[in-house]
Protein backbone atom coordinates (compact mmCIF):
# COMPACT_ATOMS: atom_id res chain seq x y z
CA MET A 1 10.71 -24.06 35.57
CA PRO A 2 8.41 -22.31 33.11
CA ILE A 3 4.68 -21.90 33.41
CA TYR A 4 2.77 -23.21 30.38
CA GLU A 5 -0.75 -22.23 29.38
CA TYR A 6 -3.20 -24.83 28.05
CA ARG A 7 -6.60 -24.36 26.39
CA ARG A 8 -9.63 -26.63 26.78
CA PRO A 9 -12.06 -27.22 23.85
CA ASP A 10 -14.60 -24.84 25.47
CA GLY A 11 -12.04 -21.99 25.26
CA SER A 12 -11.15 -21.79 28.94
CA THR A 13 -7.46 -21.83 29.83
CA PHE A 14 -5.31 -22.91 32.74
CA GLU A 15 -1.64 -22.66 33.61
CA ILE A 16 0.65 -25.33 34.96
CA LEU A 17 4.27 -25.33 36.13
CA GLN A 18 6.23 -27.87 34.07
CA SER A 19 9.84 -28.72 33.35
CA ILE A 20 11.16 -27.76 29.94
CA THR A 21 11.95 -31.39 29.20
CA ALA A 22 8.48 -32.62 30.23
CA GLU A 23 6.10 -33.69 27.47
CA PRO A 24 3.15 -31.32 26.83
CA LEU A 25 -0.13 -32.32 28.46
CA THR A 26 -2.75 -33.92 26.27
CA GLU A 27 -5.51 -34.02 28.91
CA ASP A 28 -6.56 -31.67 31.69
CA PRO A 29 -5.28 -33.19 34.95
CA GLU A 30 -8.48 -32.14 36.81
CA THR A 31 -11.24 -32.99 34.31
CA GLY A 32 -9.60 -35.30 31.77
CA VAL A 33 -10.75 -33.32 28.71
CA PRO A 34 -8.27 -32.93 25.83
CA VAL A 35 -6.13 -29.77 25.90
CA GLU A 36 -3.58 -28.08 23.70
CA ARG A 37 -0.65 -25.87 24.64
CA VAL A 38 -1.10 -22.16 23.92
CA LEU A 39 1.95 -20.46 22.42
CA HIS A 40 2.63 -16.76 22.83
CA ALA A 41 5.15 -14.48 21.18
CA PRO A 42 8.12 -13.82 23.45
CA ALA A 43 8.41 -10.40 25.01
CA VAL A 44 11.52 -8.69 23.66
CA HIS A 45 12.74 -5.33 24.85
CA PHE A 46 15.99 -3.96 23.44
CA LYS A 47 18.05 -2.03 25.93
CA GLY A 48 21.16 0.03 25.51
CA SER A 49 22.37 3.31 24.14
CA GLY A 50 21.46 2.44 20.54
CA PHE A 51 17.80 1.56 21.07
CA TYR A 52 14.75 3.68 21.82
CA ASN A 53 11.10 2.75 22.33
CA THR A 54 10.14 4.75 19.23
CA ASP A 55 13.14 3.71 17.13
CA TYR A 56 11.74 1.59 14.32
CA GLY A 57 13.81 3.05 11.49
CA THR A 58 10.92 3.43 9.06
CA LYS A 59 11.42 7.14 8.39
CA LYS A 60 15.13 6.76 7.75
CA ARG A 61 14.62 3.65 5.63
CA ALA A 62 11.95 5.39 3.55
CA ARG A 63 14.25 8.36 3.01
CA GLU A 64 17.14 6.10 1.96
CA THR A 65 15.02 4.16 -0.53
CA LYS A 66 13.66 7.41 -1.95
CA GLU A 67 17.19 8.78 -2.41
CA ALA A 68 18.34 5.53 -4.00
CA GLY A 69 15.36 5.64 -6.36
CA GLU A 70 16.14 9.21 -7.35
CA LYS A 71 19.80 8.40 -7.97
CA GLY A 72 18.88 5.38 -10.06
CA SER A 73 16.35 7.29 -12.15
CA SER A 74 18.61 10.34 -12.57
CA SER A 75 21.48 8.19 -13.85
CA SER A 76 19.20 6.55 -16.39
CA ASP A 77 17.75 9.97 -17.28
CA SER A 78 21.22 11.42 -17.76
CA SER A 79 22.28 8.56 -20.00
CA SER A 80 19.15 8.92 -22.11
CA SER A 81 19.48 12.70 -22.17
CA SER A 82 23.17 12.46 -23.08
CA SER A 83 22.33 10.22 -26.02
CA SER A 84 19.63 12.66 -27.13
CA ASP A 85 22.07 15.53 -26.60
CA SER A 86 24.68 13.82 -28.75
CA SER A 87 22.15 13.20 -31.51
CA SER A 88 21.03 16.83 -31.42
CA LYS A 89 24.69 17.93 -31.51
CA SER A 90 25.35 15.80 -34.57
CA GLU A 91 22.24 17.24 -36.22
CA SER A 92 23.35 20.80 -35.50
CA THR A 93 26.86 20.00 -36.74
CA ALA A 94 25.45 18.58 -39.96
CA SER A 95 23.26 21.63 -40.48
CA THR A 96 26.13 24.06 -39.90
CA SER A 97 28.42 22.14 -42.22
CA SER A 98 25.78 22.06 -44.95
CA SER A 99 25.08 25.78 -44.53
CA SER A 100 28.79 26.56 -44.75
CA ALA A 101 29.00 24.41 -47.90
CA LYS A 102 26.11 26.41 -49.44
CA SER A 103 27.84 29.72 -48.77
CA ASP A 104 30.92 28.68 -50.80
């Protein structure tokens, strides 16, 4: 049976052993003042060969997002640079063809 913590309006707390299926208390059994159940985050500790106390994955995740950002920007840069390269090639081709036409 779990131990539940309850808080009185003045801020003091007490614990009581209750069944999981039992309804939460609405009044302090000793004084009769209204109370509310205090909820706490569960304690979770991962164990095993794949988990470490300092393993949060933030460094690796930051590195992966940075690499993905660089790949995404480099592909867009290459497409824009290839279009500018093709336009400069066509300009140079036009200038060479016009210069060869002048020499005739």
